[in-house]
C-alpha cells in the first residue's frame, strides 16, 4: 500500500508538472481528439507536447510491456494513473484503434517481429489504424464476408470491399478480415491481415451521414499485394482473433457512455440555463432528468472499472463486453438528448460560428449510430440473454 501511495504522489506531481493547462480543459468537440498518425495535424503545440511527454513515459499504453513502448505498470498502478488524470482533468493523450483494438490482439497473437514493428509506433501515435470487418453483405453476420485473399508465393492478393470502415480515409494501416479458403465452413476459412493503406489497389470513399459528416467509408481492394509476414496468427484462423478483437471493440465503444474529460451535464446546464435563489438549476424537470443521468453515469463507470479489473485478473466474462457496449451506447444517446434539451432552440443551429457549425445537433445525430456500430443493440441483447442469463433460444 505504501508503494502504491508513493506512486500516486509521484504520478500526481508529474502530471501537474507536465500536462499543459490547455490539455486540462474539457474537450469542446471531436476536433479536440488526438488520433495520431502520419496525416494527423495537431490542434495546438500543447496537444503535441502532451502526446510526446506521455508517450516517452509509455503512459499512452501504461500496461503494455516497456519493450513495446508501454509503461510496464501493474493493474493497480494503471488504475491510479487513470484516477489522477481524471481528478486533474487531463485529457487522454492519444485515442487509437491501434491501442483499443489491434494492440491487445497483437500482444496475444502476434509474432515477436510483428509486436516490435507495430506496437511501439502505435504507442507513440505514429500510425493510425482502421478496421476492415463489415461488408455490404456481411454486417451482423460478419462470418459471411467475401473479401478474398489468394496466397501467391510470399504474399497474398486481396480483392473485395469493406463498408463502415471508420476513418479509413485518414488511416495509415488497416487490420482486415479476408477469406482465404472459400471451400471451408464460413467461420473457418477466414484470415487476419495487416497492411498499409498506401498499398497500390487500396481506395476509400467517405459515406456522408445524416449529421453531414463522414466518419465512415467504403473501402475497396483491387489486387492488393500483402506480404505473408503481415498475416496475424495462422492462415484460416482469423475468426478466433476477430472474436477476441470484437470484445475489445465493444469495450471501447462502451467507453463513450463515460464522462471522460467532459464537464458534468449538471454543471453545463447550470452555466447555460442559470440557477435559482438556492443555487439549483432553474428547470425542475430537467434537473431531475440530469440527476438521474449522472447517477446512471457514475454507476456505469463503476461497472466498467470492475469489469476491467476482473478481466485483467483472468476472471472476466467475455460476453460482459456486450452489457457494457449496449448500456454505454444507450447512455451516450441519453447524454446527447439532454444536451439538446439544455441547448434549447440554440442547439438546433446547423451552420454558424456561434454553434461551432452545429456541433450539438451533429453530435446528437451521430450518437444514433452507437446502437449499430460494433454489433447492433439487438445482437448484444441476444448475447446477454444466451451467454449471461442462460435463456433458451427462440
Protein backbone atom coordinates (compact mmCIF):
# COMPACT_ATOMS: atom_id res chain seq x y z
CA UNK A 1 0.00 0.00 0.00
CA UNK A 2 2.86 2.39 0.83
CA UNK A 3 4.46 1.74 -2.58
CA UNK A 4 1.13 2.50 -4.29
CA UNK A 5 0.73 5.67 -2.21
CA UNK A 6 4.20 6.76 -3.26
CA UNK A 7 3.35 6.03 -6.88
CA UNK A 8 0.16 8.07 -6.52
CA UNK A 9 2.02 11.08 -5.16
CA UNK A 10 4.77 10.87 -7.77
CA UNK A 11 2.23 10.43 -10.58
CA UNK A 12 0.21 13.44 -9.49
CA UNK A 13 3.31 15.58 -9.23
CA UNK A 14 4.45 14.52 -12.70
CA UNK A 15 1.02 15.17 -14.24
CA UNK A 16 0.78 18.60 -12.61
CA UNK A 17 4.22 19.49 -13.95
CA UNK A 18 3.83 18.04 -17.44
CA UNK A 19 0.18 18.25 -18.51
CA UNK A 20 -0.26 21.64 -20.25
CA UNK A 21 -3.13 23.75 -18.85
CA UNK A 22 -4.84 23.62 -22.26
CA UNK A 23 -4.91 19.82 -22.02
CA UNK A 24 -6.79 20.07 -18.70
CA UNK A 25 -9.75 21.79 -20.30
CA UNK A 26 -12.83 19.75 -21.29
CA UNK A 27 -12.88 18.78 -24.95
CA UNK A 28 -15.16 21.01 -26.99
CA UNK A 29 -15.79 18.59 -29.83
CA UNK A 30 -14.37 15.61 -31.73
CA UNK A 31 -11.85 18.01 -33.27
CA UNK A 32 -10.00 18.05 -29.93
CA UNK A 33 -9.30 14.30 -30.05
CA UNK A 34 -5.68 13.37 -30.68
CA UNK A 35 -5.65 10.43 -33.12
CA UNK A 36 -2.02 10.48 -34.19
CA UNK A 37 -0.82 9.02 -37.47
CA UNK A 38 1.09 10.22 -40.50
CA UNK A 39 -1.64 12.60 -41.65
CA UNK A 40 -2.82 13.90 -38.29
CA UNK A 41 -2.50 17.63 -37.74
CA UNK A 42 -2.18 18.72 -34.11
CA UNK A 43 -4.68 21.33 -32.97
CA UNK A 44 -2.05 23.06 -30.85
CA UNK A 45 1.52 22.81 -29.61
CA UNK A 46 0.11 21.82 -26.21
CA UNK A 47 -1.59 18.80 -27.75
CA UNK A 48 1.64 17.74 -29.44
CA UNK A 49 3.66 18.18 -26.24
CA UNK A 50 1.17 16.23 -24.15
CA UNK A 51 1.30 13.26 -26.52
CA UNK A 52 5.10 13.35 -26.70
CA UNK A 53 5.53 13.51 -22.93
CA UNK A 54 3.06 10.71 -22.21
CA UNK A 55 4.47 8.51 -24.98
CA UNK A 56 8.00 8.99 -23.67
CA UNK A 57 6.89 7.53 -20.32
CA UNK A 58 4.89 4.79 -22.04
CA UNK A 59 1.71 6.15 -20.48
CA UNK A 60 -0.31 6.24 -23.68
CA UNK A 61 -0.45 2.46 -23.08
CA UNK A 62 0.54 2.20 -19.41
CA UNK A 63 0.09 -1.57 -19.01
CA UNK A 64 1.85 -2.63 -22.19
CA UNK A 65 5.38 -4.02 -21.71
CA UNK A 66 8.13 -1.41 -21.89
CA UNK A 67 9.78 -3.39 -24.69
CA UNK A 68 6.83 -2.47 -26.93
CA UNK A 69 6.54 1.20 -25.98
CA UNK A 70 4.34 0.76 -22.92
CA UNK A 71 4.75 1.90 -19.35
CA UNK A 72 5.07 -1.55 -17.80
CA UNK A 73 2.69 -0.55 -15.00
CA UNK A 74 0.74 -3.02 -12.89
CA UNK A 75 -3.07 -3.05 -12.98
CA UNK A 76 -3.17 -1.16 -9.70
CA UNK A 77 -0.70 1.48 -10.89
CA UNK A 78 -2.55 1.98 -14.16
CA UNK A 79 -5.78 2.49 -12.21
CA UNK A 80 -4.07 5.12 -10.05
CA UNK A 81 -2.85 6.87 -13.20
CA UNK A 82 -6.39 6.96 -14.63
CA UNK A 83 -7.75 8.29 -11.34
CA UNK A 84 -5.16 11.05 -11.09
CA UNK A 85 -5.71 12.09 -14.70
CA UNK A 86 -9.45 12.26 -14.05
CA UNK A 87 -9.02 14.31 -10.88
CA UNK A 88 -6.79 16.82 -12.67
CA UNK A 89 -8.99 16.85 -15.78
CA UNK A 90 -6.16 15.64 -18.02
CA UNK A 91 -7.27 14.67 -21.50
CA UNK A 92 -6.45 11.25 -22.88
CA UNK A 93 -3.24 11.99 -24.82
CA UNK A 94 -3.99 9.57 -27.67
CA UNK A 95 -7.05 7.73 -28.91
CA UNK A 96 -6.38 4.95 -31.33
CA UNK A 97 -7.96 1.81 -32.72
CA UNK A 98 -4.41 0.53 -32.55
CA UNK A 99 -4.50 0.92 -28.77
CA UNK A 100 -8.05 -0.16 -28.04
CA UNK A 101 -8.48 -2.98 -30.57
CA UNK A 102 -5.44 -4.12 -32.54
CA UNK A 103 -2.89 -3.75 -29.73
CA UNK A 104 -4.41 -6.40 -27.44
CA UNK A 105 -4.72 -8.80 -30.41
CA UNK A 106 -1.08 -8.23 -31.38
CA UNK A 107 0.06 -8.84 -27.81
CA UNK A 108 -1.86 -12.13 -27.73
CA UNK A 109 -1.43 -13.48 -31.26
CA UNK A 110 1.44 -11.56 -32.89
CA UNK A 111 4.92 -12.81 -33.59
CA UNK A 112 7.80 -11.08 -31.84
CA UNK A 113 8.70 -9.36 -35.11
CA UNK A 114 5.10 -8.10 -35.56
CA UNK A 115 4.97 -6.80 -31.99
CA UNK A 116 8.24 -4.91 -32.32
CA UNK A 117 7.27 -3.48 -35.71
CA UNK A 118 3.80 -2.21 -34.83
CA UNK A 119 3.29 -1.77 -31.08
CA UNK A 120 5.90 0.96 -30.39
CA UNK A 121 4.59 3.02 -33.32
CA UNK A 122 1.04 2.64 -32.00
CA UNK A 123 2.15 3.73 -28.52
CA UNK A 124 3.90 6.83 -29.92
CA UNK A 125 0.94 7.79 -32.10
CA UNK A 126 2.92 7.44 -35.31
CA UNK A 127 0.48 5.12 -37.09
CA UNK A 128 -3.30 5.39 -37.25
CA UNK A 129 -5.23 2.16 -37.85
CA UNK A 130 -8.68 1.38 -39.20
CA UNK A 131 -10.72 -1.82 -39.07
CA UNK A 132 -11.71 -3.83 -42.15
CA UNK A 133 -14.56 -6.00 -40.89
CA UNK A 134 -18.07 -5.23 -42.18
CA UNK A 135 -19.04 -5.69 -45.83
CA UNK A 136 -22.18 -4.79 -47.80
CA UNK A 137 -23.50 -8.33 -47.27
CA UNK A 138 -21.71 -9.13 -44.01
CA UNK A 139 -22.71 -6.89 -41.13
CA UNK A 140 -24.22 -8.60 -38.09
CA UNK A 141 -23.39 -11.91 -39.81
CA UNK A 142 -19.73 -10.98 -40.10
CA UNK A 143 -18.61 -14.53 -40.93
CA UNK A 144 -20.43 -14.20 -44.28
CA UNK A 145 -17.65 -11.87 -45.50
CA UNK A 146 -16.48 -12.38 -49.11
CA UNK A 147 -13.35 -10.23 -49.45
CA UNK A 148 -10.86 -12.82 -50.62
CA UNK A 149 -7.11 -13.22 -50.32
CA UNK A 150 -5.29 -15.64 -52.61
CA UNK A 151 -1.88 -16.85 -51.49
CA UNK A 152 0.91 -16.36 -54.04
CA UNK A 153 4.45 -17.36 -53.03
CA UNK A 154 5.43 -14.89 -50.28
CA UNK A 155 2.32 -12.69 -50.42
CA UNK A 156 -1.48 -12.57 -50.61
CA UNK A 157 -3.52 -10.85 -53.32
CA UNK A 158 -6.62 -9.22 -51.82
CA UNK A 159 -9.80 -8.32 -53.71
CA UNK A 160 -13.12 -7.15 -52.32
CA UNK A 161 -14.91 -4.38 -50.46
CA UNK A 162 -15.44 -3.28 -46.88
CA UNK A 163 -18.01 -0.79 -45.60
CA UNK A 164 -18.50 1.36 -42.50
CA UNK A 165 -14.70 1.49 -42.20
CA UNK A 166 -14.32 4.21 -39.57
CA UNK A 167 -11.84 6.92 -40.64
CA UNK A 168 -10.39 4.77 -43.42
CA UNK A 169 -9.67 7.92 -45.42
CA UNK A 170 -7.45 9.18 -42.57
CA UNK A 171 -5.85 5.87 -41.55
CA UNK A 172 -2.32 4.71 -42.34
CA UNK A 173 -2.81 0.94 -41.90
CA UNK A 174 -5.76 -1.45 -41.76
CA UNK A 175 -6.35 -4.70 -39.89
CA UNK A 176 -8.58 -6.70 -42.16
CA UNK A 177 -10.57 -9.94 -42.22
CA UNK A 178 -10.31 -11.82 -45.52
CA UNK A 179 -11.48 -15.17 -46.83
CA UNK A 180 -8.55 -17.44 -47.63
CA UNK A 181 -10.47 -20.72 -48.06
CA UNK A 182 -13.75 -20.47 -49.95
CA UNK A 183 -14.41 -24.20 -49.56
CA UNK A 184 -14.23 -24.20 -45.76
CA UNK A 185 -17.13 -23.55 -43.43
CA UNK A 186 -17.61 -19.81 -43.26
CA UNK A 187 -16.08 -19.36 -39.79
CA UNK A 188 -13.02 -21.48 -40.54
CA UNK A 189 -11.86 -20.03 -43.87
CA UNK A 190 -11.05 -16.53 -42.58
CA UNK A 191 -7.62 -14.95 -42.03
CA UNK A 192 -6.46 -11.74 -40.37
CA UNK A 193 -4.15 -9.46 -42.38
CA UNK A 194 -2.35 -6.18 -41.66
CA UNK A 195 -1.42 -3.81 -44.47
CA UNK A 196 -0.57 -0.24 -45.38
CA UNK A 197 -3.43 1.87 -46.78
CA UNK A 198 -0.99 3.33 -49.32
CA UNK A 199 -0.50 -0.09 -50.91
CA UNK A 200 -1.45 0.08 -54.62
CA UNK A 201 -5.03 -1.05 -55.15
CA UNK A 202 -6.45 0.32 -51.88
CA UNK A 203 -9.01 3.11 -52.23
CA UNK A 204 -11.61 4.71 -49.96
CA UNK A 205 -14.82 6.67 -50.42
CA UNK A 206 -16.36 8.55 -47.46
CA UNK A 207 -20.04 7.97 -46.65
CA UNK A 208 -21.89 11.17 -45.77
CA UNK A 209 -24.15 10.64 -42.74
CA UNK A 210 -27.29 12.46 -41.68
CA UNK A 211 -25.09 14.59 -39.43
CA UNK A 212 -23.36 15.94 -42.53
CA UNK A 213 -20.03 14.38 -41.55
CA UNK A 214 -18.24 11.34 -42.97
CA UNK A 215 -16.52 9.31 -40.26
CA UNK A 216 -17.30 6.09 -42.14
CA UNK A 217 -16.01 4.95 -45.52
CA UNK A 218 -16.37 2.36 -48.19
CA UNK A 219 -13.00 0.69 -48.75
CA UNK A 220 -12.04 -1.15 -51.94
CA UNK A 221 -9.25 -3.65 -52.63
CA UNK A 222 -8.18 -4.34 -56.20
CA UNK A 223 -5.30 -6.83 -56.50
CA UNK A 224 -3.69 -5.56 -53.29
CA UNK A 225 -0.40 -7.34 -52.55
CA UNK A 226 0.10 -8.07 -48.85
CA UNK A 227 3.33 -9.71 -47.60
CA UNK A 228 2.77 -13.07 -45.96
CA UNK A 229 4.65 -11.73 -42.93
CA UNK A 230 1.62 -9.49 -42.32
CA UNK A 231 -0.62 -12.46 -41.54
CA UNK A 232 -1.61 -12.31 -37.86
CA UNK A 233 -1.98 -15.78 -36.38
CA UNK A 234 -2.49 -18.82 -38.56
CA UNK A 235 -3.96 -18.90 -42.06
CA UNK A 236 -7.70 -19.65 -41.83
CA UNK A 237 -7.51 -18.99 -38.09
CA UNK A 238 -8.64 -15.38 -38.18
CA UNK A 239 -12.09 -15.90 -36.69
CA UNK A 240 -10.66 -16.54 -33.22
CA UNK A 241 -8.71 -13.28 -33.43
CA UNK A 242 -11.77 -11.48 -34.81
CA UNK A 243 -13.89 -12.52 -31.83
CA UNK A 244 -11.17 -11.51 -29.38
CA UNK A 245 -10.81 -8.13 -31.03
CA UNK A 246 -14.60 -7.59 -31.12
CA UNK A 247 -14.66 -7.90 -27.35
CA UNK A 248 -12.17 -5.03 -27.09
CA UNK A 249 -14.06 -3.01 -29.70
CA UNK A 250 -17.28 -3.29 -27.71
CA UNK A 251 -15.49 -2.23 -24.57
CA UNK A 252 -14.04 0.73 -26.49
CA UNK A 253 -17.47 1.76 -27.80
CA UNK A 254 -18.96 1.35 -24.33
CA UNK A 255 -16.49 3.97 -23.07
CA UNK A 256 -18.47 6.65 -24.91
CA UNK A 257 -21.01 6.28 -22.12
CA UNK A 258 -18.44 7.53 -19.64
CA UNK A 259 -17.83 11.20 -18.92
CA UNK A 260 -14.13 11.21 -19.75
CA UNK A 261 -12.73 14.73 -19.78
CA UNK A 262 -16.11 16.33 -20.39
CA UNK A 263 -17.91 18.63 -17.97
CA UNK A 264 -20.67 17.08 -15.84
CA UNK A 265 -24.00 17.65 -17.56
CA UNK A 266 -25.42 19.33 -14.46
CA UNK A 267 -22.61 21.88 -14.43
CA UNK A 268 -23.01 22.54 -18.15
CA UNK A 269 -26.77 23.01 -17.73
CA UNK A 270 -26.29 25.43 -14.82
CA UNK A 271 -23.85 27.52 -16.86
CA UNK A 272 -26.25 27.58 -19.82
CA UNK A 273 -29.63 27.99 -18.12
CA UNK A 274 -28.72 29.63 -14.82
CA UNK A 275 -29.63 28.74 -11.24
CA UNK A 276 -32.39 29.77 -8.83
CA UNK A 277 -32.02 31.50 -5.47
CA UNK A 278 -30.97 28.20 -3.85
CA UNK A 279 -28.22 27.65 -6.42
CA UNK A 280 -30.11 24.81 -8.10
CA UNK A 281 -30.68 24.51 -11.83
CA UNK A 282 -33.66 26.72 -12.66
CA UNK A 283 -35.56 23.98 -14.53
CA UNK A 284 -37.02 21.39 -12.12
CA UNK A 285 -37.99 18.69 -14.61
CA UNK A 286 -34.72 18.89 -16.49
CA UNK A 287 -32.87 18.99 -13.15
CA UNK A 288 -34.42 15.66 -12.18
CA UNK A 289 -33.54 14.11 -15.55
CA UNK A 290 -29.95 15.29 -15.25
CA UNK A 291 -29.66 13.94 -11.71
CA UNK A 292 -30.93 10.53 -12.82
CA UNK A 293 -28.48 10.56 -15.73
CA UNK A 294 -25.48 11.43 -13.56
CA UNK A 295 -26.36 8.63 -11.12
CA UNK A 296 -26.52 6.16 -14.00
CA UNK A 297 -23.28 7.58 -15.42
CA UNK A 298 -21.49 7.05 -12.10
CA UNK A 299 -22.87 3.51 -11.77
CA UNK A 300 -21.73 2.70 -15.30
CA UNK A 301 -18.23 3.99 -14.55
CA UNK A 302 -18.04 1.69 -11.50
CA UNK A 303 -19.29 -1.28 -13.54
CA UNK A 304 -16.70 -0.57 -16.21
CA UNK A 305 -13.86 -0.37 -13.68
CA UNK A 306 -14.99 -3.64 -12.09
CA UNK A 307 -15.17 -5.37 -15.48
CA UNK A 308 -11.66 -4.20 -16.37
CA UNK A 309 -10.27 -5.37 -13.04
CA UNK A 310 -11.89 -8.80 -13.36
CA UNK A 311 -10.73 -9.21 -16.96
CA UNK A 312 -7.13 -8.38 -16.06
CA UNK A 313 -7.25 -10.92 -13.25
CA UNK A 314 -8.48 -13.56 -15.67
CA UNK A 315 -11.90 -13.69 -14.00
CA UNK A 316 -13.87 -11.68 -16.55
CA UNK A 317 -16.62 -13.00 -18.78
CA UNK A 318 -16.13 -12.12 -22.45
CA UNK A 319 -19.86 -11.73 -23.03
CA UNK A 320 -19.98 -8.96 -20.39
CA UNK A 321 -18.49 -6.66 -23.03
CA UNK A 322 -21.94 -6.83 -24.67
CA UNK A 323 -23.51 -5.45 -21.48
CA UNK A 324 -21.03 -2.56 -21.46
CA UNK A 325 -21.44 -1.90 -25.17
CA UNK A 326 -25.24 -1.87 -25.01
CA UNK A 327 -25.53 0.29 -21.90
CA UNK A 328 -22.71 2.64 -22.88
CA UNK A 329 -24.37 3.28 -26.25
CA UNK A 330 -27.74 3.96 -24.64
CA UNK A 331 -26.16 6.22 -22.03
CA UNK A 332 -24.37 8.28 -24.69
CA UNK A 333 -27.61 8.71 -26.64
CA UNK A 334 -29.28 9.94 -23.43
CA UNK A 335 -26.43 12.39 -22.89
CA UNK A 336 -26.93 13.96 -26.29
CA UNK A 337 -30.71 14.08 -25.88
CA UNK A 338 -30.17 16.02 -22.65
CA UNK A 339 -27.59 18.28 -24.27
CA UNK A 340 -30.15 19.18 -26.91
CA UNK A 341 -32.70 19.92 -24.16
CA UNK A 342 -30.18 22.11 -22.33
CA UNK A 343 -29.36 23.99 -25.52
CA UNK A 344 -32.99 24.57 -26.46
CA UNK A 345 -33.57 26.23 -29.82
CA UNK A 346 -29.90 27.31 -29.96
CA UNK A 347 -28.89 23.66 -30.14
CA UNK A 348 -30.81 23.32 -33.41
CA UNK A 349 -28.45 25.67 -35.23
CA UNK A 350 -26.78 23.82 -38.10
CA UNK A 351 -24.26 26.18 -39.64
CA UNK A 352 -22.89 29.11 -37.68
CA UNK A 353 -19.71 30.12 -35.93
CA UNK A 354 -21.64 30.57 -32.68
CA UNK A 355 -22.76 26.92 -32.70
CA UNK A 356 -19.40 25.62 -33.96
CA UNK A 357 -21.06 24.56 -37.22
CA UNK A 358 -23.97 22.91 -35.42
CA UNK A 359 -21.74 20.80 -33.16
CA UNK A 360 -24.51 19.87 -30.72
CA UNK A 361 -27.04 18.86 -33.37
CA UNK A 362 -24.49 16.94 -35.43
CA UNK A 363 -23.20 15.08 -32.36
CA UNK A 364 -26.80 14.22 -31.36
CA UNK A 365 -27.45 12.74 -34.79
CA UNK A 366 -24.12 10.92 -34.76
CA UNK A 367 -24.94 9.29 -31.41
CA UNK A 368 -27.79 7.35 -33.08
CA UNK A 369 -25.17 5.13 -34.73
CA UNK A 370 -23.85 4.00 -31.33
CA UNK A 371 -26.51 1.29 -31.14
CA UNK A 372 -25.48 -0.07 -34.56
CA UNK A 373 -21.67 0.06 -34.75
CA UNK A 374 -19.65 -2.71 -33.16
CA UNK A 375 -22.66 -5.02 -33.19
CA UNK A 376 -26.26 -3.81 -33.03
CA UNK A 377 -28.07 -3.46 -29.72
CA UNK A 378 -30.32 -6.35 -30.73
CA UNK A 379 -27.28 -8.59 -31.23
CA UNK A 380 -25.82 -7.52 -27.86
CA UNK A 381 -29.09 -8.25 -26.06
CA UNK A 382 -29.21 -11.70 -27.65
CA UNK A 383 -25.67 -12.38 -26.41
CA UNK A 384 -26.59 -11.22 -22.90
CA UNK A 385 -29.72 -13.41 -22.92
CA UNK A 386 -27.95 -16.56 -24.10
CA UNK A 387 -24.47 -16.34 -22.60
CA UNK A 388 -25.03 -14.46 -19.35
CA UNK A 389 -28.64 -15.21 -18.41
CA UNK A 390 -28.75 -18.70 -19.91
CA UNK A 391 -32.11 -18.13 -21.59
CA UNK A 392 -33.18 -20.62 -24.28
CA UNK A 393 -33.01 -19.67 -27.94
CA UNK A 394 -36.10 -18.95 -29.99
